Amino acid sequence: MRGIIIDKNFSEAFVCLEDGETISIPSSEVTDSNVGDMITLSNISIPTNYNSNSNLTNEKLLDFF
């Protein structure tokens, strides 16, 4: 699955995936990448048991006015 790095610090990186989810992965997985880079994640590196801290859904707001 592909995603874009939206934030990165010493311990973790936040990646927005193609399906709209935002996950956190260890920064050791993306040592050579910077914020804004498109990366490809293998299924092994994507956590399977998400918790509320590692999985966010990007909700789209509609402007009705």
N, C-alpha and C. Protein backbone atom coordinates (compact mmCIF):
# COMPACT_ATOMS: atom_id res chain seq x y z
N MET A 1 0.85 -1.17 0.00
CA MET A 1 0.00 0.00 0.00
C MET A 1 0.90 1.23 0.00
N ARG A 2 0.45 2.27 -0.68
CA ARG A 2 1.22 3.50 -0.75
C ARG A 2 0.64 4.55 0.17
N GLY A 3 1.50 5.48 0.58
CA GLY A 3 1.07 6.56 1.45
C GLY A 3 2.04 7.71 1.39
N ILE A 4 1.64 8.82 2.00
CA ILE A 4 2.47 10.02 2.05
C ILE A 4 2.80 10.30 3.51
N ILE A 5 4.06 10.58 3.78
CA ILE A 5 4.49 10.92 5.13
C ILE A 5 4.01 12.33 5.44
N ILE A 6 3.17 12.47 6.47
CA ILE A 6 2.63 13.79 6.81
C ILE A 6 3.32 14.41 8.02
N ASP A 7 4.01 13.59 8.82
CA ASP A 7 4.76 14.12 9.96
C ASP A 7 5.75 13.05 10.38
N LYS A 8 6.87 13.50 10.92
CA LYS A 8 7.92 12.56 11.32
C LYS A 8 8.68 13.16 12.48
N ASN A 9 8.95 12.33 13.49
CA ASN A 9 9.80 12.75 14.59
C ASN A 9 10.81 11.65 14.88
N PHE A 10 11.49 11.74 16.01
CA PHE A 10 12.56 10.79 16.32
C PHE A 10 12.06 9.35 16.44
N SER A 11 10.87 9.16 16.98
CA SER A 11 10.41 7.80 17.27
C SER A 11 9.39 7.23 16.29
N GLU A 12 8.61 8.09 15.63
CA GLU A 12 7.57 7.57 14.74
C GLU A 12 7.31 8.52 13.58
N ALA A 13 6.66 7.95 12.57
CA ALA A 13 6.26 8.73 11.40
C ALA A 13 4.77 8.49 11.18
N PHE A 14 4.05 9.54 10.79
CA PHE A 14 2.63 9.42 10.49
C PHE A 14 2.46 9.41 8.98
N VAL A 15 1.74 8.40 8.50
CA VAL A 15 1.58 8.18 7.07
C VAL A 15 0.10 8.18 6.74
N CYS A 16 -0.29 8.98 5.75
CA CYS A 16 -1.66 8.99 5.24
C CYS A 16 -1.71 8.00 4.08
N LEU A 17 -2.48 6.93 4.25
CA LEU A 17 -2.57 5.88 3.25
C LEU A 17 -3.55 6.24 2.15
N GLU A 18 -3.52 5.48 1.05
CA GLU A 18 -4.39 5.73 -0.09
C GLU A 18 -5.87 5.62 0.26
N ASP A 19 -6.20 4.79 1.26
CA ASP A 19 -7.61 4.59 1.61
C ASP A 19 -8.12 5.63 2.60
N GLY A 20 -7.30 6.65 2.92
CA GLY A 20 -7.74 7.73 3.78
C GLY A 20 -7.40 7.56 5.24
N GLU A 21 -6.82 6.43 5.62
CA GLU A 21 -6.44 6.23 7.02
C GLU A 21 -5.06 6.81 7.27
N THR A 22 -4.85 7.27 8.48
CA THR A 22 -3.55 7.76 8.91
C THR A 22 -3.02 6.83 9.98
N ILE A 23 -1.82 6.29 9.75
CA ILE A 23 -1.24 5.35 10.70
C ILE A 23 0.11 5.89 11.17
N SER A 24 0.54 5.42 12.32
CA SER A 24 1.89 5.74 12.80
C SER A 24 2.73 4.48 12.67
N ILE A 25 3.94 4.66 12.18
CA ILE A 25 4.87 3.56 12.04
C ILE A 25 6.20 3.99 12.67
N PRO A 26 7.03 3.04 13.06
CA PRO A 26 8.33 3.42 13.61
C PRO A 26 9.15 4.20 12.59
N SER A 27 9.86 5.21 13.04
CA SER A 27 10.65 6.02 12.11
C SER A 27 11.78 5.22 11.48
N SER A 28 12.14 4.10 12.07
CA SER A 28 13.17 3.24 11.47
C SER A 28 12.71 2.64 10.15
N GLU A 29 11.40 2.59 9.91
CA GLU A 29 10.87 2.08 8.64
C GLU A 29 11.08 3.06 7.49
N VAL A 30 11.23 4.35 7.80
CA VAL A 30 11.34 5.38 6.76
C VAL A 30 12.53 6.30 7.02
N THR A 31 13.69 5.72 7.28
CA THR A 31 14.86 6.51 7.66
C THR A 31 15.33 7.43 6.54
N ASP A 32 15.20 7.03 5.29
CA ASP A 32 15.71 7.83 4.17
C ASP A 32 14.65 8.75 3.57
N SER A 33 13.47 8.81 4.14
CA SER A 33 12.38 9.61 3.58
C SER A 33 12.13 10.86 4.41
N ASN A 34 11.55 11.86 3.77
CA ASN A 34 11.22 13.12 4.42
C ASN A 34 9.72 13.34 4.39
N VAL A 35 9.24 14.34 5.13
CA VAL A 35 7.83 14.70 5.13
C VAL A 35 7.43 15.09 3.71
N GLY A 36 6.31 14.54 3.24
CA GLY A 36 5.82 14.82 1.89
C GLY A 36 6.19 13.77 0.87
N ASP A 37 7.08 12.85 1.22
CA ASP A 37 7.50 11.81 0.29
C ASP A 37 6.43 10.72 0.19
N MET A 38 6.26 10.19 -1.03
CA MET A 38 5.38 9.05 -1.25
C MET A 38 6.19 7.79 -0.97
N ILE A 39 5.65 6.91 -0.13
CA ILE A 39 6.35 5.67 0.20
C ILE A 39 5.43 4.49 -0.08
N THR A 40 6.03 3.34 -0.27
CA THR A 40 5.29 2.09 -0.45
C THR A 40 5.56 1.22 0.76
N LEU A 41 4.49 0.81 1.42
CA LEU A 41 4.60 -0.03 2.61
C LEU A 41 4.22 -1.45 2.26
N SER A 42 5.00 -2.39 2.73
CA SER A 42 4.62 -3.79 2.57
C SER A 42 3.57 -4.11 3.62
N ASN A 43 2.86 -5.19 3.42
CA ASN A 43 1.83 -5.59 4.39
C ASN A 43 2.46 -5.94 5.73
N ILE A 44 3.73 -6.29 5.74
CA ILE A 44 4.40 -6.64 6.99
C ILE A 44 4.59 -5.42 7.87
N SER A 45 4.87 -4.25 7.25
CA SER A 45 5.15 -3.07 8.05
C SER A 45 3.90 -2.32 8.49
N ILE A 46 2.72 -2.67 7.95
CA ILE A 46 1.48 -2.02 8.37
C ILE A 46 0.93 -2.77 9.57
N PRO A 47 0.76 -2.11 10.70
CA PRO A 47 0.25 -2.80 11.88
C PRO A 47 -1.16 -3.35 11.63
N THR A 48 -1.40 -4.57 12.12
CA THR A 48 -2.70 -5.19 11.90
C THR A 48 -3.67 -4.92 13.04
N ASN A 49 -3.19 -4.70 14.23
CA ASN A 49 -4.09 -4.42 15.35
C ASN A 49 -3.91 -2.96 15.75
N TYR A 50 -4.75 -2.12 15.17
CA TYR A 50 -4.67 -0.69 15.41
C TYR A 50 -5.23 -0.36 16.78
N ASN A 51 -4.71 0.69 17.40
CA ASN A 51 -5.35 1.26 18.56
C ASN A 51 -5.70 2.70 18.23
N SER A 52 -6.34 3.38 19.15
CA SER A 52 -6.81 4.73 18.84
C SER A 52 -5.66 5.70 18.59
N ASN A 53 -4.47 5.40 19.07
CA ASN A 53 -3.33 6.29 18.85
C ASN A 53 -2.68 6.09 17.50
N SER A 54 -2.82 4.91 16.90
CA SER A 54 -2.11 4.65 15.66
C SER A 54 -3.01 4.67 14.43
N ASN A 55 -4.31 4.80 14.60
CA ASN A 55 -5.21 4.74 13.46
C ASN A 55 -6.20 5.90 13.52
N LEU A 56 -6.15 6.77 12.55
CA LEU A 56 -7.07 7.89 12.47
C LEU A 56 -7.76 7.84 11.12
N THR A 57 -9.03 8.14 11.09
CA THR A 57 -9.75 8.22 9.83
C THR A 57 -9.90 9.67 9.44
N ASN A 58 -9.53 9.98 8.22
CA ASN A 58 -9.66 11.36 7.74
C ASN A 58 -11.11 11.59 7.31
N GLU A 59 -11.83 12.33 8.11
CA GLU A 59 -13.22 12.63 7.81
C GLU A 59 -13.29 13.87 6.92
N LYS A 60 -14.09 13.79 5.90
CA LYS A 60 -14.27 14.92 4.99
C LYS A 60 -15.50 15.71 5.42
N LEU A 61 -15.35 17.00 5.57
CA LEU A 61 -16.47 17.86 5.93
C LEU A 61 -17.03 18.51 4.67
N LEU A 62 -18.33 18.56 4.58
CA LEU A 62 -18.99 19.21 3.45
C LEU A 62 -19.52 20.56 3.88
N ASP A 63 -19.34 21.54 3.05
CA ASP A 63 -19.83 22.89 3.33
C ASP A 63 -21.18 23.04 2.65
N PHE A 64 -22.24 23.15 3.42
CA PHE A 64 -23.58 23.23 2.87
C PHE A 64 -24.03 24.66 2.63
N PHE A 65 -23.21 25.64 2.94
CA PHE A 65 -23.61 27.04 2.78
C PHE A 65 -23.14 27.60 1.47
